[in-house]
Amino acid sequence: TDTEKTIAIQVHTPYLLPHAVTIWCSEVNGQLYVAASAPEKKRWPGWTDDNPDVKLGIAGHVYAVRLVPLTDAAEIAPVQQAYQAKYQLPDAPPENAPSVRYWHVTQRPS
């Protein structure tokens, strides 16, 4: 996914219609991660708390996956660094920068 600047994510909603948005992604050691900037202002991050099984659209392909939220700073740090490198973000976010929430993209259990 390093060559893809944006990907699509489709989440389940409480009103039974799927909802899709475009998001950024990054890779760390062959593992895919997605993020939401200002997640408290968006609906889809909360919907993934209720149902972490989502679909990702990447380069014309659709993948059924599960999102696992990252909460440990040690896990988040390399993901932040990957985002900074991929999207040429500043090393230190501005003081008024919105919060960011990260998820590890995993396979759905069988």
N, C-alpha and C. Protein backbone atom coordinates (compact mmCIF):
# COMPACT_ATOMS: atom_id res chain seq x y z
N THR A 1 0.80 -1.21 0.00
CA THR A 1 0.00 0.00 0.00
C THR A 1 0.85 1.27 0.00
N ASP A 2 2.16 1.15 0.02
CA ASP A 2 2.99 2.35 0.04
C ASP A 2 2.76 3.23 -1.18
N THR A 3 2.36 2.65 -2.30
CA THR A 3 2.13 3.44 -3.50
C THR A 3 0.73 4.05 -3.54
N GLU A 4 -0.15 3.63 -2.65
CA GLU A 4 -1.52 4.14 -2.61
C GLU A 4 -1.61 5.25 -1.56
N LYS A 5 -1.93 6.46 -2.01
CA LYS A 5 -2.06 7.58 -1.06
C LYS A 5 -3.34 7.47 -0.25
N THR A 6 -4.41 7.01 -0.87
CA THR A 6 -5.68 6.84 -0.17
C THR A 6 -6.28 5.48 -0.49
N ILE A 7 -7.07 5.00 0.45
CA ILE A 7 -7.83 3.77 0.25
C ILE A 7 -9.25 4.05 0.72
N ALA A 8 -10.16 3.16 0.39
CA ALA A 8 -11.55 3.29 0.83
C ALA A 8 -11.80 2.32 1.97
N ILE A 9 -12.61 2.76 2.93
CA ILE A 9 -13.04 1.88 4.00
C ILE A 9 -14.56 1.91 4.03
N GLN A 10 -15.16 0.72 4.13
CA GLN A 10 -16.60 0.60 4.24
C GLN A 10 -16.90 -0.03 5.59
N VAL A 11 -17.73 0.66 6.37
CA VAL A 11 -18.07 0.19 7.71
C VAL A 11 -19.56 -0.09 7.81
N HIS A 12 -19.94 -0.85 8.82
CA HIS A 12 -21.34 -1.11 9.12
C HIS A 12 -21.89 0.06 9.92
N THR A 13 -23.14 0.39 9.68
CA THR A 13 -23.78 1.50 10.38
C THR A 13 -24.96 0.99 11.19
N PRO A 14 -25.44 1.77 12.16
CA PRO A 14 -26.60 1.34 12.92
C PRO A 14 -27.90 1.35 12.12
N TYR A 15 -27.90 2.02 10.96
CA TYR A 15 -29.12 2.05 10.15
C TYR A 15 -29.05 1.08 8.97
N LEU A 16 -28.17 0.10 9.09
CA LEU A 16 -28.09 -1.07 8.19
C LEU A 16 -27.65 -0.76 6.76
N LEU A 17 -27.23 0.46 6.48
CA LEU A 17 -26.66 0.79 5.17
C LEU A 17 -25.16 0.95 5.34
N PRO A 18 -24.37 0.36 4.47
CA PRO A 18 -22.93 0.54 4.59
C PRO A 18 -22.53 1.98 4.33
N HIS A 19 -21.45 2.39 4.96
CA HIS A 19 -20.93 3.75 4.83
C HIS A 19 -19.47 3.64 4.41
N ALA A 20 -19.07 4.36 3.37
CA ALA A 20 -17.69 4.30 2.89
C ALA A 20 -17.09 5.70 2.84
N VAL A 21 -15.82 5.78 3.22
CA VAL A 21 -15.06 7.02 3.16
C VAL A 21 -13.66 6.71 2.65
N THR A 22 -12.94 7.74 2.27
CA THR A 22 -11.56 7.61 1.83
C THR A 22 -10.65 7.97 3.01
N ILE A 23 -9.63 7.14 3.22
CA ILE A 23 -8.72 7.36 4.35
C ILE A 23 -7.28 7.15 3.91
N TRP A 24 -6.36 7.53 4.78
CA TRP A 24 -4.94 7.26 4.59
C TRP A 24 -4.60 5.93 5.25
N CYS A 25 -3.48 5.36 4.83
CA CYS A 25 -3.02 4.10 5.42
C CYS A 25 -1.50 4.11 5.46
N SER A 26 -0.94 3.25 6.28
CA SER A 26 0.52 3.09 6.30
C SER A 26 0.86 1.65 6.61
N GLU A 27 2.09 1.32 6.30
CA GLU A 27 2.58 -0.05 6.50
C GLU A 27 3.80 -0.01 7.42
N VAL A 28 3.83 -0.96 8.35
CA VAL A 28 4.98 -1.12 9.23
C VAL A 28 5.32 -2.61 9.26
N ASN A 29 6.51 -2.95 8.83
CA ASN A 29 6.96 -4.35 8.81
C ASN A 29 5.95 -5.27 8.13
N GLY A 30 5.42 -4.82 7.00
CA GLY A 30 4.49 -5.64 6.24
C GLY A 30 3.08 -5.69 6.79
N GLN A 31 2.81 -4.94 7.85
CA GLN A 31 1.47 -4.90 8.45
C GLN A 31 0.80 -3.59 8.07
N LEU A 32 -0.50 -3.64 7.79
CA LEU A 32 -1.25 -2.47 7.37
C LEU A 32 -1.95 -1.82 8.55
N TYR A 33 -1.95 -0.48 8.54
CA TYR A 33 -2.60 0.30 9.59
C TYR A 33 -3.43 1.40 8.93
N VAL A 34 -4.54 1.75 9.57
CA VAL A 34 -5.35 2.87 9.12
C VAL A 34 -5.55 3.81 10.30
N ALA A 35 -5.94 5.04 9.99
CA ALA A 35 -6.09 6.04 11.04
C ALA A 35 -7.25 6.97 10.73
N ALA A 36 -7.73 7.62 11.79
CA ALA A 36 -8.74 8.66 11.66
C ALA A 36 -8.26 9.89 12.41
N SER A 37 -8.17 10.99 11.71
CA SER A 37 -7.85 12.26 12.34
C SER A 37 -9.14 12.85 12.88
N ALA A 38 -9.10 13.41 14.08
CA ALA A 38 -10.29 13.97 14.75
C ALA A 38 -11.42 12.94 14.78
N PRO A 39 -11.15 11.73 15.31
CA PRO A 39 -12.16 10.68 15.28
C PRO A 39 -13.44 11.01 16.03
N GLU A 40 -13.34 11.90 17.01
CA GLU A 40 -14.53 12.27 17.77
C GLU A 40 -15.51 13.10 16.94
N LYS A 41 -15.07 13.61 15.80
CA LYS A 41 -15.93 14.41 14.93
C LYS A 41 -16.49 13.60 13.76
N LYS A 42 -16.13 12.32 13.70
CA LYS A 42 -16.57 11.46 12.60
C LYS A 42 -17.37 10.30 13.16
N ARG A 43 -18.24 9.77 12.34
CA ARG A 43 -19.08 8.64 12.80
C ARG A 43 -18.41 7.29 12.62
N TRP A 44 -17.67 7.11 11.52
CA TRP A 44 -17.17 5.77 11.20
C TRP A 44 -16.26 5.19 12.26
N PRO A 45 -15.41 5.95 12.96
CA PRO A 45 -14.57 5.32 13.99
C PRO A 45 -15.40 4.67 15.11
N GLY A 46 -16.45 5.33 15.52
CA GLY A 46 -17.32 4.75 16.55
C GLY A 46 -18.05 3.52 16.05
N TRP A 47 -18.43 3.54 14.80
CA TRP A 47 -19.11 2.38 14.25
C TRP A 47 -18.19 1.16 14.21
N THR A 48 -16.89 1.38 14.04
CA THR A 48 -15.97 0.24 14.05
C THR A 48 -15.81 -0.33 15.47
N ASP A 49 -16.09 0.49 16.49
CA ASP A 49 -16.10 -0.04 17.85
C ASP A 49 -17.22 -1.06 18.01
N ASP A 50 -18.35 -0.78 17.37
CA ASP A 50 -19.50 -1.68 17.44
C ASP A 50 -19.33 -2.91 16.55
N ASN A 51 -18.69 -2.72 15.41
CA ASN A 51 -18.46 -3.84 14.49
C ASN A 51 -17.14 -3.61 13.77
N PRO A 52 -16.06 -4.26 14.23
CA PRO A 52 -14.74 -4.02 13.64
C PRO A 52 -14.50 -4.68 12.29
N ASP A 53 -15.48 -5.44 11.79
CA ASP A 53 -15.33 -6.07 10.47
C ASP A 53 -15.69 -5.06 9.40
N VAL A 54 -14.73 -4.72 8.56
CA VAL A 54 -14.90 -3.69 7.53
C VAL A 54 -14.41 -4.24 6.20
N LYS A 55 -14.62 -3.45 5.17
CA LYS A 55 -14.06 -3.76 3.86
C LYS A 55 -13.14 -2.61 3.48
N LEU A 56 -12.00 -2.96 2.90
CA LEU A 56 -11.06 -1.97 2.40
C LEU A 56 -10.98 -2.08 0.89
N GLY A 57 -11.03 -0.96 0.22
CA GLY A 57 -10.83 -0.91 -1.22
C GLY A 57 -9.45 -0.36 -1.49
N ILE A 58 -8.59 -1.22 -2.06
CA ILE A 58 -7.20 -0.83 -2.31
C ILE A 58 -6.84 -1.20 -3.74
N ALA A 59 -6.52 -0.18 -4.53
CA ALA A 59 -6.06 -0.39 -5.91
C ALA A 59 -7.00 -1.30 -6.71
N GLY A 60 -8.30 -1.04 -6.59
CA GLY A 60 -9.27 -1.80 -7.37
C GLY A 60 -9.65 -3.15 -6.80
N HIS A 61 -9.14 -3.50 -5.65
CA HIS A 61 -9.48 -4.76 -4.99
C HIS A 61 -10.20 -4.48 -3.68
N VAL A 62 -11.08 -5.38 -3.28
CA VAL A 62 -11.82 -5.24 -2.02
C VAL A 62 -11.40 -6.36 -1.09
N TYR A 63 -11.09 -5.99 0.16
CA TYR A 63 -10.64 -6.95 1.16
C TYR A 63 -11.54 -6.87 2.39
N ALA A 64 -12.05 -8.00 2.83
CA ALA A 64 -12.83 -8.09 4.06
C ALA A 64 -11.84 -8.33 5.20
N VAL A 65 -11.77 -7.38 6.12
CA VAL A 65 -10.76 -7.41 7.18
C VAL A 65 -11.39 -7.01 8.52
N ARG A 66 -10.58 -7.07 9.55
CA ARG A 66 -10.99 -6.63 10.89
C ARG A 66 -10.02 -5.57 11.37
N LEU A 67 -10.55 -4.54 12.02
CA LEU A 67 -9.73 -3.49 12.60
C LEU A 67 -9.55 -3.74 14.09
N VAL A 68 -8.31 -3.66 14.54
CA VAL A 68 -7.98 -3.80 15.96
C VAL A 68 -7.41 -2.46 16.42
N PRO A 69 -8.09 -1.78 17.36
CA PRO A 69 -7.61 -0.47 17.79
C PRO A 69 -6.26 -0.56 18.48
N LEU A 70 -5.41 0.44 18.23
CA LEU A 70 -4.13 0.53 18.92
C LEU A 70 -4.30 1.50 20.09
N THR A 71 -3.83 1.07 21.26
CA THR A 71 -3.94 1.91 22.44
C THR A 71 -2.60 2.10 23.14
N ASP A 72 -1.64 1.25 22.86
CA ASP A 72 -0.33 1.29 23.50
C ASP A 72 0.59 2.25 22.73
N ALA A 73 1.15 3.21 23.44
CA ALA A 73 2.02 4.21 22.81
C ALA A 73 3.19 3.57 22.08
N ALA A 74 3.70 2.46 22.61
CA ALA A 74 4.83 1.77 21.96
C ALA A 74 4.41 1.17 20.62
N GLU A 75 3.16 0.74 20.51
CA GLU A 75 2.65 0.22 19.23
C GLU A 75 2.35 1.36 18.26
N ILE A 76 1.88 2.47 18.79
CA ILE A 76 1.46 3.59 17.96
C ILE A 76 2.66 4.34 17.37
N ALA A 77 3.75 4.45 18.10
CA ALA A 77 4.91 5.25 17.66
C ALA A 77 5.42 4.87 16.27
N PRO A 78 5.67 3.59 15.96
CA PRO A 78 6.17 3.29 14.61
C PRO A 78 5.13 3.55 13.52
N VAL A 79 3.86 3.43 13.88
CA VAL A 79 2.80 3.71 12.91
C VAL A 79 2.78 5.22 12.62
N GLN A 80 2.89 6.02 13.64
CA GLN A 80 2.97 7.48 13.44
C GLN A 80 4.16 7.84 12.56
N GLN A 81 5.30 7.20 12.81
CA GLN A 81 6.49 7.47 12.01
C GLN A 81 6.27 7.09 10.55
N ALA A 82 5.57 5.97 10.32
CA ALA A 82 5.29 5.55 8.94
C ALA A 82 4.37 6.55 8.25
N TYR A 83 3.38 7.05 8.97
CA TYR A 83 2.50 8.08 8.41
C TYR A 83 3.28 9.35 8.09
N GLN A 84 4.15 9.77 9.01
CA GLN A 84 4.95 10.98 8.80
C GLN A 84 5.81 10.85 7.55
N ALA A 85 6.43 9.69 7.38
CA ALA A 85 7.29 9.48 6.21
C ALA A 85 6.47 9.42 4.92
N LYS A 86 5.39 8.66 4.93
CA LYS A 86 4.60 8.47 3.71
C LYS A 86 3.93 9.76 3.24
N TYR A 87 3.38 10.52 4.19
CA TYR A 87 2.61 11.71 3.84
C TYR A 87 3.37 13.01 4.09
N GLN A 88 4.66 12.90 4.36
CA GLN A 88 5.53 14.05 4.57
C GLN A 88 4.95 15.00 5.61
N LEU A 89 4.57 14.43 6.75
CA LEU A 89 4.02 15.20 7.86
C LEU A 89 5.16 15.70 8.74
N PRO A 90 4.94 16.77 9.49
CA PRO A 90 6.00 17.26 10.38
C PRO A 90 6.29 16.25 11.49
N ASP A 91 7.54 16.25 11.95
CA ASP A 91 7.93 15.33 13.03
C ASP A 91 7.10 15.53 14.29
N ALA A 92 6.85 16.77 14.61
CA ALA A 92 6.03 17.09 15.78
C ALA A 92 4.75 17.76 15.29
N PRO A 93 3.58 17.24 15.69
CA PRO A 93 2.35 17.87 15.24
C PRO A 93 2.19 19.26 15.85
N PRO A 94 1.51 20.17 15.16
CA PRO A 94 1.27 21.50 15.72
C PRO A 94 0.48 21.40 17.03
N GLU A 95 0.57 22.42 17.84
CA GLU A 95 -0.13 22.41 19.13
C GLU A 95 -1.62 22.17 19.00
N ASN A 96 -2.23 22.72 17.98
CA ASN A 96 -3.68 22.60 17.81
C ASN A 96 -4.08 21.44 16.90
N ALA A 97 -3.18 20.50 16.68
CA ALA A 97 -3.47 19.36 15.80
C ALA A 97 -4.58 18.51 16.41
N PRO A 98 -5.48 17.98 15.57
CA PRO A 98 -6.54 17.11 16.10
C PRO A 98 -5.97 15.79 16.60
N SER A 99 -6.73 15.13 17.43
CA SER A 99 -6.33 13.81 17.89
C SER A 99 -6.36 12.83 16.72
N VAL A 100 -5.65 11.74 16.85
CA VAL A 100 -5.62 10.71 15.82
C VAL A 100 -5.82 9.36 16.49
N ARG A 101 -6.60 8.52 15.85
CA ARG A 101 -6.83 7.17 16.34
C ARG A 101 -6.32 6.20 15.28
N TYR A 102 -5.66 5.11 15.72
CA TYR A 102 -5.04 4.14 14.81
C TYR A 102 -5.63 2.75 15.02
N TRP A 103 -5.67 1.98 13.91
CA TRP A 103 -6.09 0.58 13.95
C TRP A 103 -5.11 -0.27 13.15
N HIS A 104 -4.91 -1.48 13.62
CA HIS A 104 -4.14 -2.50 12.90
C HIS A 104 -5.15 -3.27 12.06
N VAL A 105 -4.85 -3.45 10.80
CA VAL A 105 -5.72 -4.21 9.90
C VAL A 105 -5.31 -5.68 10.00
N THR A 106 -6.26 -6.54 10.36
CA THR A 106 -5.99 -7.96 10.52
C THR A 106 -6.99 -8.79 9.70
N GLN A 107 -6.72 -10.07 9.61
CA GLN A 107 -7.66 -10.97 8.95
C GLN A 107 -8.86 -11.17 9.85
N ARG A 108 -9.99 -11.38 9.22
CA ARG A 108 -11.19 -11.75 9.98
C ARG A 108 -11.03 -13.20 10.43
N PRO A 109 -11.50 -13.50 11.63
CA PRO A 109 -11.43 -14.91 12.07
C PRO A 109 -12.34 -15.79 11.19
N SER A 110 -11.94 -17.01 11.01
CA SER A 110 -12.74 -17.93 10.17
C SER A 110 -13.98 -18.39 10.86
